[in-house]
Amino acid sequence: VRDPLAAAEILKFLSLSNHRDVNYARKFFAQIHEPNCFSWNTVI
């Protein structure tokens, strides 16, 4: 989960998939230590 790319993929599923859960995505993003640009773009 500390891998930025792994975290980005989980965030993508929570934010943009057909099974999106924005509340879950919000909480997950808050736990990413140093989100990369892809993660920021995904949550925005």
PDB file of all heavy atoms in Angstrom:
ATOM      1  N   VAL A   1       0.821  -1.203   0.000  1.00  0.00           N
ATOM      2  CA  VAL A   1       0.000   0.000   0.000  1.00  0.00           C
ATOM      3  C   VAL A   1       0.859   1.258   0.000  1.00  0.00           C
ATOM      4  O   VAL A   1       0.393   2.344  -0.364  1.00  0.00           O
ATOM      5  CB  VAL A   1      -0.964  -0.016   1.211  1.00  0.00           C
ATOM      6  CG1 VAL A   1      -0.203   0.295   2.502  1.00  0.00           C
ATOM      7  CG2 VAL A   1      -2.114   0.960   0.998  1.00  0.00           C
ATOM      8  N   ARG A   2       2.152   1.108   0.403  1.00  0.00           N
ATOM      9  CA  ARG A   2       3.040   2.277   0.412  1.00  0.00           C
ATOM     10  C   ARG A   2       3.625   2.570  -0.973  1.00  0.00           C
ATOM     11  O   ARG A   2       4.255   3.600  -1.168  1.00  0.00           O
ATOM     12  CB  ARG A   2       4.162   2.062   1.429  1.00  0.00           C
ATOM     13  CG  ARG A   2       3.694   2.083   2.887  1.00  0.00           C
ATOM     14  CD  ARG A   2       4.863   2.115   3.855  1.00  0.00           C
ATOM     15  NE  ARG A   2       5.629   0.872   3.830  1.00  0.00           N
ATOM     16  CZ  ARG A   2       5.330  -0.210   4.544  1.00  0.00           C
ATOM     17  NH1 ARG A   2       4.274  -0.188   5.353  1.00  0.00           N
ATOM     18  NH2 ARG A   2       6.065  -1.295   4.468  1.00  0.00           N
ATOM     19  N   ASP A   3       3.405   1.640  -1.896  1.00  0.00           N
ATOM     20  CA  ASP A   3       3.868   1.860  -3.269  1.00  0.00           C
ATOM     21  C   ASP A   3       2.952   2.913  -3.907  1.00  0.00           C
ATOM     22  O   ASP A   3       1.735   2.723  -3.977  1.00  0.00           O
ATOM     23  CB  ASP A   3       3.778   0.543  -4.052  1.00  0.00           C
ATOM     24  CG  ASP A   3       4.351   0.654  -5.459  1.00  0.00           C
ATOM     25  OD1 ASP A   3       4.174   1.713  -6.093  1.00  0.00           O
ATOM     26  OD2 ASP A   3       4.968  -0.313  -5.916  1.00  0.00           O
ATOM     27  N   PRO A   4       3.497   4.031  -4.381  1.00  0.00           N
ATOM     28  CA  PRO A   4       2.662   5.097  -4.958  1.00  0.00           C
ATOM     29  C   PRO A   4       1.793   4.622  -6.110  1.00  0.00           C
ATOM     30  O   PRO A   4       0.649   5.066  -6.258  1.00  0.00           O
ATOM     31  CB  PRO A   4       3.683   6.138  -5.439  1.00  0.00           C
ATOM     32  CG  PRO A   4       4.932   5.843  -4.704  1.00  0.00           C
ATOM     33  CD  PRO A   4       4.928   4.384  -4.411  1.00  0.00           C
ATOM     34  N   LEU A   5       2.320   3.694  -6.928  1.00  0.00           N
ATOM     35  CA  LEU A   5       1.538   3.211  -8.069  1.00  0.00           C
ATOM     36  C   LEU A   5       0.402   2.303  -7.608  1.00  0.00           C
ATOM     37  O   LEU A   5      -0.695   2.334  -8.159  1.00  0.00           O
ATOM     38  CB  LEU A   5       2.450   2.483  -9.056  1.00  0.00           C
ATOM     39  CG  LEU A   5       3.499   3.358  -9.758  1.00  0.00           C
ATOM     40  CD1 LEU A   5       4.322   2.527 -10.725  1.00  0.00           C
ATOM     41  CD2 LEU A   5       2.844   4.520 -10.480  1.00  0.00           C
ATOM     42  N   ALA A   6       0.668   1.486  -6.597  1.00  0.00           N
ATOM     43  CA  ALA A   6      -0.390   0.618  -6.059  1.00  0.00           C
ATOM     44  C   ALA A   6      -1.487   1.474  -5.438  1.00  0.00           C
ATOM     45  O   ALA A   6      -2.689   1.232  -5.639  1.00  0.00           O
ATOM     46  CB  ALA A   6       0.196  -0.333  -5.026  1.00  0.00           C
ATOM     47  N   ALA A   7      -1.086   2.477  -4.667  1.00  0.00           N
ATOM     48  CA  ALA A   7      -2.059   3.370  -4.036  1.00  0.00           C
ATOM     49  C   ALA A   7      -2.875   4.107  -5.089  1.00  0.00           C
ATOM     50  O   ALA A   7      -4.097   4.289  -4.947  1.00  0.00           O
ATOM     51  CB  ALA A   7      -1.330   4.369  -3.132  1.00  0.00           C
ATOM     52  N   ALA A   8      -2.192   4.512  -6.168  1.00  0.00           N
ATOM     53  CA  ALA A   8      -2.893   5.235  -7.237  1.00  0.00           C
ATOM     54  C   ALA A   8      -3.952   4.362  -7.894  1.00  0.00           C
ATOM     55  O   ALA A   8      -5.043   4.825  -8.236  1.00  0.00           O
ATOM     56  CB  ALA A   8      -1.886   5.731  -8.275  1.00  0.00           C
ATOM     57  N   GLU A   9      -3.653   3.063  -8.068  1.00  0.00           N
ATOM     58  CA  GLU A   9      -4.618   2.161  -8.700  1.00  0.00           C
ATOM     59  C   GLU A   9      -5.837   1.914  -7.811  1.00  0.00           C
ATOM     60  O   GLU A   9      -6.965   1.840  -8.284  1.00  0.00           O
ATOM     61  CB  GLU A   9      -3.944   0.830  -9.035  1.00  0.00           C
ATOM     62  CG  GLU A   9      -3.179   0.841 -10.338  1.00  0.00           C
ATOM     63  CD  GLU A   9      -4.071   1.184 -11.520  1.00  0.00           C
ATOM     64  OE1 GLU A   9      -4.969   0.391 -11.860  1.00  0.00           O
ATOM     65  OE2 GLU A   9      -3.872   2.260 -12.112  1.00  0.00           O
ATOM     66  N   ILE A  10      -5.596   1.762  -6.504  1.00  0.00           N
ATOM     67  CA  ILE A  10      -6.722   1.598  -5.577  1.00  0.00           C
ATOM     68  C   ILE A  10      -7.599   2.852  -5.603  1.00  0.00           C
ATOM     69  O   ILE A  10      -8.832   2.774  -5.656  1.00  0.00           O
ATOM     70  CB  ILE A  10      -6.208   1.322  -4.144  1.00  0.00           C
ATOM     71  CG1 ILE A  10      -5.546  -0.049  -4.078  1.00  0.00           C
ATOM     72  CG2 ILE A  10      -7.357   1.408  -3.145  1.00  0.00           C
ATOM     73  CD1 ILE A  10      -4.946  -0.381  -2.724  1.00  0.00           C
ATOM     74  N   LEU A  11      -6.957   3.998  -5.579  1.00  0.00           N
ATOM     75  CA  LEU A  11      -7.691   5.265  -5.595  1.00  0.00           C
ATOM     76  C   LEU A  11      -8.491   5.415  -6.883  1.00  0.00           C
ATOM     77  O   LEU A  11      -9.633   5.885  -6.865  1.00  0.00           O
ATOM     78  CB  LEU A  11      -6.714   6.428  -5.441  1.00  0.00           C
ATOM     79  CG  LEU A  11      -7.337   7.829  -5.354  1.00  0.00           C
ATOM     80  CD1 LEU A  11      -8.177   7.954  -4.091  1.00  0.00           C
ATOM     81  CD2 LEU A  11      -6.256   8.896  -5.380  1.00  0.00           C
ATOM     82  N   LYS A  12      -7.901   4.983  -7.989  1.00  0.00           N
ATOM     83  CA  LYS A  12      -8.598   5.066  -9.276  1.00  0.00           C
ATOM     84  C   LYS A  12      -9.873   4.230  -9.252  1.00  0.00           C
ATOM     85  O   LYS A  12     -10.931   4.660  -9.721  1.00  0.00           O
ATOM     86  CB  LYS A  12      -7.668   4.592 -10.391  1.00  0.00           C
ATOM     87  CG  LYS A  12      -8.303   4.614 -11.781  1.00  0.00           C
ATOM     88  CD  LYS A  12      -7.332   4.056 -12.807  1.00  0.00           C
ATOM     89  CE  LYS A  12      -7.994   3.955 -14.177  1.00  0.00           C
ATOM     90  NZ  LYS A  12      -7.074   3.344 -15.179  1.00  0.00           N
ATOM     91  N   PHE A  13      -9.770   3.016  -8.703  1.00  0.00           N
ATOM     92  CA  PHE A  13     -10.953   2.147  -8.628  1.00  0.00           C
ATOM     93  C   PHE A  13     -12.040   2.783  -7.765  1.00  0.00           C
ATOM     94  O   PHE A  13     -13.221   2.791  -8.122  1.00  0.00           O
ATOM     95  CB  PHE A  13     -10.561   0.788  -8.059  1.00  0.00           C
ATOM     96  CG  PHE A  13     -11.699  -0.200  -8.015  1.00  0.00           C
ATOM     97  CD1 PHE A  13     -11.947  -1.056  -9.063  1.00  0.00           C
ATOM     98  CD2 PHE A  13     -12.549  -0.258  -6.898  1.00  0.00           C
ATOM     99  CE1 PHE A  13     -13.002  -1.950  -9.023  1.00  0.00           C
ATOM    100  CE2 PHE A  13     -13.601  -1.143  -6.849  1.00  0.00           C
ATOM    101  CZ  PHE A  13     -13.834  -1.997  -7.918  1.00  0.00           C
ATOM    102  N   LEU A  14     -11.646   3.336  -6.621  1.00  0.00           N
ATOM    103  CA  LEU A  14     -12.611   3.941  -5.692  1.00  0.00           C
ATOM    104  C   LEU A  14     -13.240   5.205  -6.253  1.00  0.00           C
ATOM    105  O   LEU A  14     -14.392   5.529  -5.944  1.00  0.00           O
ATOM    106  CB  LEU A  14     -11.911   4.272  -4.369  1.00  0.00           C
ATOM    107  CG  LEU A  14     -11.430   3.090  -3.530  1.00  0.00           C
ATOM    108  CD1 LEU A  14     -10.566   3.589  -2.384  1.00  0.00           C
ATOM    109  CD2 LEU A  14     -12.622   2.290  -3.007  1.00  0.00           C
ATOM    110  N   SER A  15     -12.503   5.914  -7.099  1.00  0.00           N
ATOM    111  CA  SER A  15     -12.949   7.226  -7.561  1.00  0.00           C
ATOM    112  C   SER A  15     -13.671   7.197  -8.896  1.00  0.00           C
ATOM    113  O   SER A  15     -14.623   7.968  -9.107  1.00  0.00           O
ATOM    114  CB  SER A  15     -11.749   8.176  -7.680  1.00  0.00           C
ATOM    115  OG  SER A  15     -11.072   8.297  -6.453  1.00  0.00           O
ATOM    116  N   LEU A  16     -13.237   6.331  -9.816  1.00  0.00           N
ATOM    117  CA  LEU A  16     -13.695   6.452 -11.196  1.00  0.00           C
ATOM    118  C   LEU A  16     -14.344   5.209 -11.774  1.00  0.00           C
ATOM    119  O   LEU A  16     -14.866   5.257 -12.886  1.00  0.00           O
ATOM    120  CB  LEU A  16     -12.507   6.854 -12.089  1.00  0.00           C
ATOM    121  CG  LEU A  16     -11.746   8.125 -11.672  1.00  0.00           C
ATOM    122  CD1 LEU A  16     -10.545   8.333 -12.574  1.00  0.00           C
ATOM    123  CD2 LEU A  16     -12.653   9.344 -11.704  1.00  0.00           C
ATOM    124  N   SER A  17     -14.332   4.094 -11.056  1.00  0.00           N
ATOM    125  CA  SER A  17     -14.921   2.869 -11.603  1.00  0.00           C
ATOM    126  C   SER A  17     -16.438   2.897 -11.451  1.00  0.00           C
ATOM    127  O   SER A  17     -17.013   3.792 -10.824  1.00  0.00           O
ATOM    128  CB  SER A  17     -14.355   1.648 -10.876  1.00  0.00           C
ATOM    129  OG  SER A  17     -14.895   1.558  -9.562  1.00  0.00           O
ATOM    130  N   ASN A  18     -17.077   1.876 -12.015  1.00  0.00           N
ATOM    131  CA  ASN A  18     -18.534   1.758 -11.879  1.00  0.00           C
ATOM    132  C   ASN A  18     -18.959   1.478 -10.437  1.00  0.00           C
ATOM    133  O   ASN A  18     -20.131   1.619 -10.095  1.00  0.00           O
ATOM    134  CB  ASN A  18     -19.055   0.635 -12.785  1.00  0.00           C
ATOM    135  CG  ASN A  18     -18.915   0.977 -14.256  1.00  0.00           C
ATOM    136  OD1 ASN A  18     -18.923   2.147 -14.627  1.00  0.00           O
ATOM    137  ND2 ASN A  18     -18.776  -0.039 -15.096  1.00  0.00           N
ATOM    138  N   HIS A  19     -17.998   1.062  -9.612  1.00  0.00           N
ATOM    139  CA  HIS A  19     -18.287   0.754  -8.203  1.00  0.00           C
ATOM    140  C   HIS A  19     -17.764   1.859  -7.288  1.00  0.00           C
ATOM    141  O   HIS A  19     -17.471   1.615  -6.119  1.00  0.00           O
ATOM    142  CB  HIS A  19     -17.648  -0.583  -7.819  1.00  0.00           C
ATOM    143  CG  HIS A  19     -18.000  -1.709  -8.740  1.00  0.00           C
ATOM    144  ND1 HIS A  19     -19.224  -2.328  -8.736  1.00  0.00           N
ATOM    145  CD2 HIS A  19     -17.282  -2.299  -9.736  1.00  0.00           C
ATOM    146  CE1 HIS A  19     -19.245  -3.270  -9.664  1.00  0.00           C
ATOM    147  NE2 HIS A  19     -18.083  -3.272 -10.286  1.00  0.00           N
ATOM    148  N   ARG A  20     -17.667   3.049  -7.814  1.00  0.00           N
ATOM    149  CA  ARG A  20     -17.047   4.157  -7.092  1.00  0.00           C
ATOM    150  C   ARG A  20     -17.667   4.365  -5.709  1.00  0.00           C
ATOM    151  O   ARG A  20     -18.870   4.183  -5.513  1.00  0.00           O
ATOM    152  CB  ARG A  20     -17.160   5.450  -7.899  1.00  0.00           C
ATOM    153  CG  ARG A  20     -18.583   5.813  -8.270  1.00  0.00           C
ATOM    154  CD  ARG A  20     -18.634   7.096  -9.070  1.00  0.00           C
ATOM    155  NE  ARG A  20     -18.239   8.226  -8.254  1.00  0.00           N
ATOM    156  CZ  ARG A  20     -18.051   9.442  -8.734  1.00  0.00           C
ATOM    157  NH1 ARG A  20     -18.222   9.681 -10.008  1.00  0.00           N
ATOM    158  NH2 ARG A  20     -17.710  10.415  -7.943  1.00  0.00           N
ATOM    159  N   ASP A  21     -16.812   4.754  -4.778  1.00  0.00           N
ATOM    160  CA  ASP A  21     -17.243   5.078  -3.419  1.00  0.00           C
ATOM    161  C   ASP A  21     -16.418   6.286  -2.993  1.00  0.00           C
ATOM    162  O   ASP A  21     -15.295   6.161  -2.508  1.00  0.00           O
ATOM    163  CB  ASP A  21     -17.005   3.891  -2.486  1.00  0.00           C
ATOM    164  CG  ASP A  21     -17.569   4.123  -1.081  1.00  0.00           C
ATOM    165  OD1 ASP A  21     -17.621   5.300  -0.660  1.00  0.00           O
ATOM    166  OD2 ASP A  21     -17.923   3.138  -0.416  1.00  0.00           O
ATOM    167  N   VAL A  22     -16.975   7.476  -3.190  1.00  0.00           N
ATOM    168  CA  VAL A  22     -16.190   8.699  -2.982  1.00  0.00           C
ATOM    169  C   VAL A  22     -15.819   8.904  -1.516  1.00  0.00           C
ATOM    170  O   VAL A  22     -14.771   9.500  -1.214  1.00  0.00           O
ATOM    171  CB  VAL A  22     -16.941   9.942  -3.539  1.00  0.00           C
ATOM    172  CG1 VAL A  22     -17.022   9.892  -5.046  1.00  0.00           C
ATOM    173  CG2 VAL A  22     -18.332  10.054  -2.935  1.00  0.00           C
ATOM    174  N   ASN A  23     -16.652   8.427  -0.609  1.00  0.00           N
ATOM    175  CA  ASN A  23     -16.321   8.568   0.804  1.00  0.00           C
ATOM    176  C   ASN A  23     -15.099   7.704   1.156  1.00  0.00           C
ATOM    177  O   ASN A  23     -14.171   8.142   1.850  1.00  0.00           O
ATOM    178  CB  ASN A  23     -17.518   8.168   1.662  1.00  0.00           C
ATOM    179  CG  ASN A  23     -17.331   8.521   3.126  1.00  0.00           C
ATOM    180  OD1 ASN A  23     -16.780   9.579   3.455  1.00  0.00           O
ATOM    181  ND2 ASN A  23     -17.761   7.639   4.009  1.00  0.00           N
ATOM    182  N   TYR A  24     -15.079   6.487   0.657  1.00  0.00           N
ATOM    183  CA  TYR A  24     -13.950   5.579   0.825  1.00  0.00           C
ATOM    184  C   TYR A  24     -12.705   6.187   0.171  1.00  0.00           C
ATOM    185  O   TYR A  24     -11.601   6.174   0.730  1.00  0.00           O
ATOM    186  CB  TYR A  24     -14.317   4.236   0.179  1.00  0.00           C
ATOM    187  CG  TYR A  24     -13.399   3.070   0.450  1.00  0.00           C
ATOM    188  CD1 TYR A  24     -13.822   1.777   0.126  1.00  0.00           C
ATOM    189  CD2 TYR A  24     -12.121   3.213   0.996  1.00  0.00           C
ATOM    190  CE1 TYR A  24     -13.000   0.674   0.343  1.00  0.00           C
ATOM    191  CE2 TYR A  24     -11.298   2.123   1.216  1.00  0.00           C
ATOM    192  CZ  TYR A  24     -11.739   0.853   0.882  1.00  0.00           C
ATOM    193  OH  TYR A  24     -10.921  -0.234   1.094  1.00  0.00           O
ATOM    194  N   ALA A  25     -12.897   6.748  -1.038  1.00  0.00           N
ATOM    195  CA  ALA A  25     -11.778   7.351  -1.767  1.00  0.00           C
ATOM    196  C   ALA A  25     -11.185   8.516  -0.980  1.00  0.00           C
ATOM    197  O   ALA A  25      -9.954   8.676  -0.909  1.00  0.00           O
ATOM    198  CB  ALA A  25     -12.248   7.835  -3.135  1.00  0.00           C
ATOM    199  N   ARG A  26     -12.045   9.309  -0.389  1.00  0.00           N
ATOM    200  CA  ARG A  26     -11.587  10.466   0.402  1.00  0.00           C
ATOM    201  C   ARG A  26     -10.710   9.998   1.575  1.00  0.00           C
ATOM    202  O   ARG A  26      -9.641  10.557   1.829  1.00  0.00           O
ATOM    203  CB  ARG A  26     -12.800  11.245   0.906  1.00  0.00           C
ATOM    204  CG  ARG A  26     -12.461  12.539   1.622  1.00  0.00           C
ATOM    205  CD  ARG A  26     -13.668  13.128   2.320  1.00  0.00           C
ATOM    206  NE  ARG A  26     -14.651  13.666   1.388  1.00  0.00           N
ATOM    207  CZ  ARG A  26     -15.868  13.161   1.218  1.00  0.00           C
ATOM    208  NH1 ARG A  26     -16.244  12.070   1.903  1.00  0.00           N
ATOM    209  NH2 ARG A  26     -16.716  13.716   0.383  1.00  0.00           N
ATOM    210  N   LYS A  27     -11.173   8.972   2.279  1.00  0.00           N
ATOM    211  CA  LYS A  27     -10.423   8.459   3.433  1.00  0.00           C
ATOM    212  C   LYS A  27      -9.114   7.806   3.004  1.00  0.00           C
ATOM    213  O   LYS A  27      -8.074   7.972   3.653  1.00  0.00           O
ATOM    214  CB  LYS A  27     -11.279   7.457   4.207  1.00  0.00           C
ATOM    215  CG  LYS A  27     -12.496   8.078   4.884  1.00  0.00           C
ATOM    216  CD  LYS A  27     -13.368   7.017   5.543  1.00  0.00           C
ATOM    217  CE  LYS A  27     -14.596   7.645   6.201  1.00  0.00           C
ATOM    218  NZ  LYS A  27     -15.478   6.612   6.781  1.00  0.00           N
ATOM    219  N   PHE A  28      -9.154   7.059   1.892  1.00  0.00           N
ATOM    220  CA  PHE A  28      -7.956   6.388   1.413  1.00  0.00           C
ATOM    221  C   PHE A  28      -6.902   7.414   0.976  1.00  0.00           C
ATOM    222  O   PHE A  28      -5.713   7.278   1.277  1.00  0.00           O
ATOM    223  CB  PHE A  28      -8.294   5.462   0.245  1.00  0.00           C
ATOM    224  CG  PHE A  28      -7.112   4.708  -0.295  1.00  0.00           C
ATOM    225  CD1 PHE A  28      -6.653   3.569   0.342  1.00  0.00           C
ATOM    226  CD2 PHE A  28      -6.442   5.147  -1.428  1.00  0.00           C
ATOM    227  CE1 PHE A  28      -5.545   2.873  -0.136  1.00  0.00           C
ATOM    228  CE2 PHE A  28      -5.339   4.472  -1.913  1.00  0.00           C
ATOM    229  CZ  PHE A  28      -4.894   3.335  -1.271  1.00  0.00           C
ATOM    230  N   PHE A  29      -7.347   8.450   0.270  1.00  0.00           N
ATOM    231  CA  PHE A  29      -6.408   9.462  -0.212  1.00  0.00           C
ATOM    232  C   PHE A  29      -5.707  10.153   0.960  1.00  0.00           C
ATOM    233  O   PHE A  29      -4.513  10.466   0.886  1.00  0.00           O
ATOM    234  CB  PHE A  29      -7.146  10.498  -1.068  1.00  0.00           C
ATOM    235  CG  PHE A  29      -6.253  11.567  -1.635  1.00  0.00           C
ATOM    236  CD1 PHE A  29      -5.454  11.313  -2.736  1.00  0.00           C
ATOM    237  CD2 PHE A  29      -6.201  12.827  -1.050  1.00  0.00           C
ATOM    238  CE1 PHE A  29      -4.622  12.300  -3.259  1.00  0.00           C
ATOM    239  CE2 PHE A  29      -5.369  13.817  -1.558  1.00  0.00           C
ATOM    240  CZ  PHE A  29      -4.580  13.551  -2.671  1.00  0.00           C
ATOM    241  N   ALA A  30      -6.456  10.378   2.048  1.00  0.00           N
ATOM    242  CA  ALA A  30      -5.880  11.057   3.214  1.00  0.00           C
ATOM    243  C   ALA A  30      -4.746  10.242   3.844  1.00  0.00           C
ATOM    244  O   ALA A  30      -3.886  10.795   4.543  1.00  0.00           O
ATOM    245  CB  ALA A  30      -6.964  11.322   4.247  1.00  0.00           C
ATOM    246  N   GLN A  31      -4.714   8.918   3.587  1.00  0.00           N
ATOM    247  CA  GLN A  31      -3.693   8.050   4.174  1.00  0.00           C
ATOM    248  C   GLN A  31      -2.457   7.891   3.286  1.00  0.00           C
ATOM    249  O   GLN A  31      -1.462   7.308   3.710  1.00  0.00           O
ATOM    250  CB  GLN A  31      -4.292   6.672   4.466  1.00  0.00           C
ATOM    251  CG  GLN A  31      -5.374   6.703   5.535  1.00  0.00           C
ATOM    252  CD  GLN A  31      -6.056   5.359   5.706  1.00  0.00           C
ATOM    253  OE1 GLN A  31      -5.744   4.406   4.997  1.00  0.00           O
ATOM    254  NE2 GLN A  31      -6.975   5.271   6.656  1.00  0.00           N
ATOM    255  N   ILE A  32      -2.536   8.402   2.033  1.00  0.00           N
ATOM    256  CA  ILE A  32      -1.375   8.311   1.147  1.00  0.00           C
ATOM    257  C   ILE A  32      -0.340   9.331   1.616  1.00  0.00           C
ATOM    258  O   ILE A  32      -0.633  10.530   1.706  1.00  0.00           O
ATOM    259  CB  ILE A  32      -1.778   8.575  -0.321  1.00  0.00           C
ATOM    260  CG1 ILE A  32      -2.812   7.539  -0.788  1.00  0.00           C
ATOM    261  CG2 ILE A  32      -0.546   8.524  -1.227  1.00  0.00           C
ATOM    262  CD1 ILE A  32      -3.330   7.772  -2.194  1.00  0.00           C
ATOM    263  N   HIS A  33       0.878   8.876   1.896  1.00  0.00           N
ATOM    264  CA  HIS A  33       1.898   9.751   2.488  1.00  0.00           C
ATOM    265  C   HIS A  33       2.297  10.873   1.537  1.00  0.00           C
ATOM    266  O   HIS A  33       2.203  12.055   1.872  1.00  0.00           O
ATOM    267  CB  HIS A  33       3.127   8.924   2.881  1.00  0.00           C
ATOM    268  CG  HIS A  33       4.246   9.760   3.460  1.00  0.00           C
ATOM    269  ND1 HIS A  33       4.060  10.597   4.550  1.00  0.00           N
ATOM    270  CD2 HIS A  33       5.550   9.897   3.085  1.00  0.00           C
ATOM    271  CE1 HIS A  33       5.199  11.220   4.830  1.00  0.00           C
ATOM    272  NE2 HIS A  33       6.118  10.813   3.956  1.00  0.00           N
ATOM    273  N   GLU A  34       2.753  10.548   0.355  1.00  0.00           N
ATOM    274  CA  GLU A  34       3.119  11.558  -0.628  1.00  0.00           C
ATOM    275  C   GLU A  34       2.470  11.185  -1.957  1.00  0.00           C
ATOM    276  O   GLU A  34       3.081  10.535  -2.805  1.00  0.00           O
ATOM    277  CB  GLU A  34       4.646  11.648  -0.781  1.00  0.00           C
ATOM    278  CG  GLU A  34       5.347  12.277   0.407  1.00  0.00           C
ATOM    279  CD  GLU A  34       6.841  12.479   0.143  1.00  0.00           C
ATOM    280  OE1 GLU A  34       7.318  12.084  -0.953  1.00  0.00           O
ATOM    281  OE2 GLU A  34       7.521  13.016   1.023  1.00  0.00           O
ATOM    282  N   PRO A  35       1.208  11.586  -2.157  1.00  0.00           N
ATOM    283  CA  PRO A  35       0.511  11.221  -3.393  1.00  0.00           C
ATOM    284  C   PRO A  35       1.232  11.778  -4.618  1.00  0.00           C
ATOM    285  O   PRO A  35       1.713  12.917  -4.596  1.00  0.00           O
ATOM    286  CB  PRO A  35      -0.883  11.842  -3.226  1.00  0.00           C
ATOM    287  CG  PRO A  35      -0.758  12.826  -2.130  1.00  0.00           C
ATOM    288  CD  PRO A  35       0.387  12.426  -1.271  1.00  0.00           C
ATOM    289  N   ASN A  36       1.303  10.950  -5.658  1.00  0.00           N
ATOM    290  CA  ASN A  36       1.915  11.429  -6.894  1.00  0.00           C
ATOM    291  C   ASN A  36       0.896  12.234  -7.700  1.00  0.00           C
ATOM    292  O   ASN A  36      -0.267  12.367  -7.308  1.00  0.00           O
ATOM    293  CB  ASN A  36       2.485  10.264  -7.713  1.00  0.00           C
ATOM    294  CG  ASN A  36       1.412   9.236  -8.070  1.00  0.00           C
ATOM    295  OD1 ASN A  36       0.221   9.520  -8.003  1.00  0.00           O
ATOM    296  ND2 ASN A  36       1.850   8.037  -8.429  1.00  0.00           N
ATOM    297  N   CYS A  37       1.304  12.763  -8.835  1.00  0.00           N
ATOM    298  CA  CYS A  37       0.421  13.617  -9.636  1.00  0.00           C
ATOM    299  C   CYS A  37      -0.810  12.853 -10.108  1.00  0.00           C
ATOM    300  O   CYS A  37      -1.917  13.391 -10.141  1.00  0.00           O
ATOM    301  CB  CYS A  37       1.197  14.172 -10.834  1.00  0.00           C
ATOM    302  SG  CYS A  37       0.328  15.504 -11.688  1.00  0.00           S
ATOM    303  N   PHE A  38      -0.613  11.561 -10.450  1.00  0.00           N
ATOM    304  CA  PHE A  38      -1.737  10.743 -10.897  1.00  0.00           C
ATOM    305  C   PHE A  38      -2.805  10.643  -9.809  1.00  0.00           C
ATOM    306  O   PHE A  38      -4.007  10.734 -10.086  1.00  0.00           O
ATOM    307  CB  PHE A  38      -1.232   9.347 -11.286  1.00  0.00           C
ATOM    308  CG  PHE A  38      -2.306   8.432 -11.770  1.00  0.00           C
ATOM    309  CD1 PHE A  38      -2.741   8.454 -13.084  1.00  0.00           C
ATOM    310  CD2 PHE A  38      -2.921   7.529 -10.893  1.00  0.00           C
ATOM    311  CE1 PHE A  38      -3.750   7.614 -13.526  1.00  0.00           C
ATOM    312  CE2 PHE A  38      -3.928   6.681 -11.324  1.00  0.00           C
ATOM    313  CZ  PHE A  38      -4.339   6.723 -12.645  1.00  0.00           C
ATOM    314  N   SER A  39      -2.383  10.475  -8.560  1.00  0.00           N
ATOM    315  CA  SER A  39      -3.335  10.357  -7.453  1.00  0.00           C
ATOM    316  C   SER A  39      -4.082  11.671  -7.235  1.00  0.00           C
ATOM    317  O   SER A  39      -5.296  11.688  -7.010  1.00  0.00           O
ATOM    318  CB  SER A  39      -2.616   9.938  -6.172  1.00  0.00           C
ATOM    319  OG  SER A  39      -2.104   8.629  -6.294  1.00  0.00           O
ATOM    320  N   TRP A  40      -3.337  12.782  -7.271  1.00  0.00           N
ATOM    321  CA  TRP A  40      -3.998  14.082  -7.129  1.00  0.00           C
ATOM    322  C   TRP A  40      -5.026  14.278  -8.247  1.00  0.00           C
ATOM    323  O   TRP A  40      -6.169  14.696  -7.991  1.00  0.00           O
ATOM    324  CB  TRP A  40      -2.962  15.215  -7.180  1.00  0.00           C
ATOM    325  CG  TRP A  40      -2.221  15.454  -5.907  1.00  0.00           C
ATOM    326  CD1 TRP A  40      -0.914  15.167  -5.642  1.00  0.00           C
ATOM    327  CD2 TRP A  40      -2.740  16.060  -4.708  1.00  0.00           C
ATOM    328  NE1 TRP A  40      -0.573  15.535  -4.366  1.00  0.00           N
ATOM    329  CE2 TRP A  40      -1.687  16.098  -3.764  1.00  0.00           C
ATOM    330  CE3 TRP A  40      -3.983  16.565  -4.333  1.00  0.00           C
ATOM    331  CZ2 TRP A  40      -1.833  16.623  -2.484  1.00  0.00           C
ATOM    332  CZ3 TRP A  40      -4.136  17.093  -3.059  1.00  0.00           C
ATOM    333  CH2 TRP A  40      -3.082  17.113  -2.150  1.00  0.00           C
ATOM    334  N   ASN A  41      -4.614  13.990  -9.463  1.00  0.00           N
ATOM    335  CA  ASN A  41      -5.526  14.170 -10.601  1.00  0.00           C
ATOM    336  C   ASN A  41      -6.757  13.278 -10.477  1.00  0.00           C
ATOM    337  O   ASN A  41      -7.872  13.678 -10.822  1.00  0.00           O
ATOM    338  CB  ASN A  41      -4.803  13.865 -11.912  1.00  0.00           C
ATOM    339  CG  ASN A  41      -3.753  14.896 -12.255  1.00  0.00           C
ATOM    340  OD1 ASN A  41      -3.702  15.967 -11.649  1.00  0.00           O
ATOM    341  ND2 ASN A  41      -2.907  14.589 -13.233  1.00  0.00           N
ATOM    342  N   THR A  42      -6.536  12.067  -9.965  1.00  0.00           N
ATOM    343  CA  THR A  42      -7.643  11.117  -9.824  1.00  0.00           C
ATOM    344  C   THR A  42      -8.683  11.619  -8.834  1.00  0.00           C
ATOM    345  O   THR A  42      -9.892  11.605  -9.122  1.00  0.00           O
ATOM    346  CB  THR A  42      -7.123   9.741  -9.366  1.00  0.00           C
ATOM    347  OG1 THR A  42      -6.219   9.230 -10.346  1.00  0.00           O
ATOM    348  CG2 THR A  42      -8.264   8.763  -9.177  1.00  0.00           C
ATOM    349  N   VAL A  43      -8.250  12.067  -7.672  1.00  0.00           N
ATOM    350  CA  VAL A  43      -9.206  12.497  -6.655  1.00  0.00           C
ATOM    351  C   VAL A  43      -9.880  13.809  -7.064  1.00  0.00           C
ATOM    352  O   VAL A  43     -11.074  14.023  -6.805  1.00  0.00           O
ATOM    353  CB  VAL A  43      -8.521  12.609  -5.273  1.00  0.00           C
ATOM    354  CG1 VAL A  43      -7.638  13.853  -5.167  1.00  0.00           C
ATOM    355  CG2 VAL A  43      -9.559  12.578  -4.163  1.00  0.00           C
ATOM    356  N   ILE A  44      -9.144  14.700  -7.726  1.00  0.00           N
ATOM    357  CA  ILE A  44      -9.752  15.951  -8.218  1.00  0.00           C
ATOM    358  C   ILE A  44     -10.801  15.641  -9.280  1.00  0.00           C
ATOM    359  O   ILE A  44     -11.917  16.183  -9.254  1.00  0.00           O
ATOM    360  CB  ILE A  44      -8.665  16.893  -8.782  1.00  0.00           C
ATOM    361  CG1 ILE A  44      -7.801  17.442  -7.647  1.00  0.00           C
ATOM    362  CG2 ILE A  44      -9.297  18.050  -9.559  1.00  0.00           C
ATOM    363  CD1 ILE A  44      -6.566  18.196  -8.112  1.00  0.00           C
TER     364      ILE A  44
END
